Protein backbone atom coordinates (compact mmCIF):
# COMPACT_ATOMS: atom_id res chain seq x y z
CA MET A 1 67.50 98.04 98.24
CA ASN A 2 65.26 99.61 95.61
CA PHE A 3 61.86 101.00 96.43
CA MET A 4 59.39 103.62 95.34
CA ARG A 5 57.77 106.11 97.67
CA GLU A 6 54.70 108.20 97.00
CA THR A 7 54.72 111.29 99.15
CA GLN A 8 53.92 114.99 99.32
CA THR A 9 55.32 117.30 96.64
CA TYR A 10 57.73 119.17 98.91
CA ASP A 11 59.03 115.86 100.30
CA ILE A 12 59.67 114.58 96.77
CA ILE A 13 61.91 117.58 96.10
CA ASP A 14 63.60 117.27 99.49
CA ASP A 15 64.18 113.51 99.08
CA VAL A 16 65.87 113.96 95.69
CA ALA A 17 67.88 116.99 96.90
CA HIS A 18 69.18 115.01 99.89
CA LEU A 19 69.76 111.84 97.82
CA ARG A 20 67.17 109.76 99.65
CA SER A 21 65.62 109.28 96.20
CA GLU A 22 67.33 109.38 92.84
CA LEU A 23 64.33 110.69 90.93
CA GLY A 24 61.04 112.44 91.60
CA ILE A 25 57.96 112.92 89.41
CA LEU A 26 56.22 116.33 89.48
CA TYR A 27 53.83 118.41 87.41
CA LEU A 28 53.99 122.10 86.56
CA ASN A 29 51.19 124.36 85.42
CA SER A 30 50.61 128.08 85.03
CA PHE A 31 49.81 128.42 88.76
CA ASN A 32 52.73 126.56 90.36
CA GLU A 33 55.38 126.77 87.64
CA THR A 34 57.43 129.64 89.10
CA VAL A 35 57.72 127.99 92.54
CA LEU A 36 58.20 124.46 91.21
CA ARG A 37 60.96 125.50 88.82
CA LYS A 38 62.77 127.64 91.38
CA THR A 39 62.62 125.32 94.42
CA PRO A 40 64.29 122.30 92.75
CA ARG A 41 66.79 124.51 90.91
CA ASP A 42 67.80 126.16 94.21
CA GLN A 43 68.46 122.67 95.60
CA GLY A 44 70.66 121.56 92.68
CA LEU A 45 68.01 119.61 90.79
CA SER A 46 67.05 119.60 87.12
CA PHE A 47 63.52 119.18 85.74
CA THR A 48 62.99 117.22 82.51
CA ARG A 49 59.61 117.24 80.79
CA LEU A 50 58.02 113.92 79.88
CA PHE A 51 54.79 115.26 78.33
CA ILE A 52 52.02 117.83 78.62
CA ALA A 53 48.53 116.69 79.60
CA ARG A 54 45.18 118.45 79.65
CA PRO A 55 43.32 118.32 83.01
CA HIS A 56 40.92 115.44 83.56
CA VAL A 57 38.74 114.32 86.43
CA PHE A 58 38.99 110.86 87.93
CA ILE A 59 35.58 109.58 88.98
CA GLY A 60 33.99 106.27 89.78
CA LYS A 61 32.57 104.44 86.76
CA ASP A 62 29.08 104.65 88.32
CA ASN A 63 29.25 108.39 89.00
CA PRO A 64 26.49 110.27 87.11
CA LEU A 65 29.22 112.24 85.29
CA ALA A 66 30.64 109.02 83.83
CA ALA A 67 28.09 109.11 81.02
CA ARG A 68 29.46 112.44 79.78
CA GLY A 69 32.25 112.73 77.26
CA THR A 70 33.61 115.86 78.96
CA VAL A 71 33.03 117.60 82.29
CA THR A 72 32.94 121.30 83.21
CA PRO A 73 33.82 122.86 86.58
CA GLU A 74 30.11 123.66 86.99
CA ASP A 75 29.28 119.93 86.57
CA LEU A 76 31.55 119.14 89.55
CA LYS A 77 29.83 121.44 92.06
CA PRO A 78 27.47 118.82 93.57
CA TYR A 79 30.32 116.37 94.20
CA PRO A 80 33.04 116.32 96.87
CA ARG A 81 36.59 117.01 95.69
CA LEU A 82 39.27 114.67 97.00
CA SER A 83 42.77 116.04 97.40
CA PHE A 84 46.05 114.81 98.80
CA GLU A 85 47.19 116.38 102.04
CA GLN A 86 50.36 118.40 101.42
CA GLY A 87 51.50 119.20 104.94
CA SER A 88 52.87 122.55 106.05
CA HIS A 89 55.36 123.30 103.25
CA ASN A 90 53.64 126.06 101.27
CA SER A 91 50.84 123.69 100.30
CA PHE A 92 49.23 126.44 98.23
CA TYR A 93 51.82 125.87 95.46
CA PHE A 94 52.79 122.28 96.24
CA SER A 95 49.33 120.82 95.76
CA GLU A 96 49.35 117.54 93.90
CA GLU A 97 46.07 118.37 92.17
CA ILE A 98 45.83 120.95 89.45
CA LEU A 99 43.22 123.69 89.95
CA SER A 100 43.41 123.27 93.73
CA THR A 101 42.19 126.85 94.18
CA MET A 102 39.00 126.22 92.18
CA ASP A 103 35.97 126.93 94.37
CA CYS A 104 34.54 123.80 96.00
CA ASP A 105 31.90 123.48 98.72
CA ARG A 106 33.04 120.05 99.92
CA GLU A 107 36.70 119.03 99.94
CA LEU A 108 38.21 116.02 101.64
CA TYR A 109 41.93 115.53 102.18
CA VAL A 110 43.49 112.10 102.14
CA CYS A 111 47.05 110.90 102.53
CA ASP A 112 47.17 107.92 100.19
CA ARG A 113 46.00 106.92 96.72
CA ALA A 114 44.07 103.83 97.85
CA THR A 115 41.87 105.91 100.16
CA LEU A 116 41.34 108.52 97.45
CA PHE A 117 40.29 105.90 94.89
CA ASN A 118 38.00 104.13 97.37
CA MET A 119 36.30 107.44 98.16
CA LEU A 120 35.94 108.34 94.48
CA VAL A 121 33.79 105.26 94.14
CA GLY A 122 32.17 105.20 97.59
CA ILE A 123 30.98 108.81 97.81
CA ASN A 124 30.89 109.82 94.13
CA GLY A 125 33.81 112.16 94.63
CA TYR A 126 36.32 113.41 92.08
CA THR A 127 39.92 114.51 91.81
CA ILE A 128 41.60 116.47 89.06
CA SER A 129 44.64 114.94 87.43
CA SER A 130 46.38 114.13 84.16
CA GLY A 131 43.81 111.61 82.96
CA ILE A 132 46.33 108.81 82.89
CA ILE A 133 45.12 105.79 84.81
CA SER A 134 45.97 102.13 84.51
CA GLU A 135 43.14 99.66 84.78
CA GLU A 136 45.77 96.95 85.34
CA LEU A 137 46.97 98.72 88.49
CA ASN A 138 43.80 100.41 89.70
CA GLY A 139 41.01 98.15 88.50
CA PRO A 140 38.00 99.04 86.32
CA HIS A 141 36.13 101.18 88.86
CA ILE A 142 37.94 104.50 88.26
CA ILE A 143 37.60 106.33 84.94
CA SER A 144 38.87 109.58 83.51
CA ARG A 145 36.96 112.36 81.75
CA PRO A 146 38.44 115.53 80.17
CA LEU A 147 37.81 118.67 82.21
CA LEU A 148 36.95 121.68 80.06
CA VAL A 149 39.32 124.30 81.47
CA ASP A 150 42.10 126.38 79.99
CA ASP A 151 45.09 124.85 81.76
CA PHE A 152 47.78 122.21 81.33
CA MET A 153 49.97 119.82 83.30
CA GLU A 154 53.62 119.59 82.32
CA ILE A 155 54.64 116.27 83.81
CA GLY A 156 58.30 115.51 84.28
CA TYR A 157 61.00 114.30 86.60
CA ILE A 158 63.66 115.86 88.76
CA LEU A 159 67.20 114.58 89.22
CA PRO A 160 70.23 115.85 91.13
CA VAL A 161 72.47 117.81 88.78
CA SER A 162 75.62 116.78 90.65
CA ILE A 163 75.44 112.99 90.25
CA ARG A 164 74.94 110.56 87.41
CA PRO A 165 71.77 108.48 87.75
CA SER A 166 72.24 104.79 88.51
CA GLN A 167 71.62 102.22 85.77
CA LEU A 168 68.29 101.33 87.40
CA THR A 169 67.20 105.00 87.37
CA GLN A 170 68.34 105.40 83.76
CA ARG A 171 66.31 102.33 82.82
CA TYR A 172 63.29 103.66 84.73
CA ILE A 173 63.55 106.95 82.81
CA GLN A 174 63.66 105.03 79.52
CA VAL A 175 60.50 103.13 80.48
CA LEU A 176 58.78 106.39 81.51
CA GLU A 177 59.75 108.06 78.22
CA THR A 178 58.46 105.09 76.22
CA LEU A 179 55.15 105.05 78.12
CA CYS A 180 54.78 108.83 77.82
CA GLU A 181 55.36 108.98 74.06
CA ALA A 182 51.65 108.30 73.60
CA TYR A 183 50.82 111.53 75.47
CA GLN A 184 53.09 113.90 73.58
């Protein structure tokens, strides 16, 4: 049986380390890099970079910020930030969203992407991410705008060092690399 599971950052690492998953996708930045390089390495996993992205905000296409070409942290202050719940495993460093420590008056935590995207549109919220979004998968209601901050997202995958990936995982990696070439 082959399936994909979207889960919390720590659980991604744990699943790959305990061979419940063959591969996990993570991002590193200047804030979490030390922890997110050490934790997988300590569990016998390797990290391979796919590409580096600049931070973007995902917003609804009708959000007042949608008319702007770029967005600043100050522009985001009136809007609620949506973040993924990370559980109890050192969530400070395992946050799925870059700049999770940026000051925000209103923050809502969700546990799935569908809820996050519905709330982006329904309450004019935002989340900070890589900027990569597929209209085919997510529809036309969510858009991405560059966030003017001095940071980066190194997006890559983790694999167990001790085993050879299956043919399906190798093929998946090839597809990822092909899709990510546009972002390098």
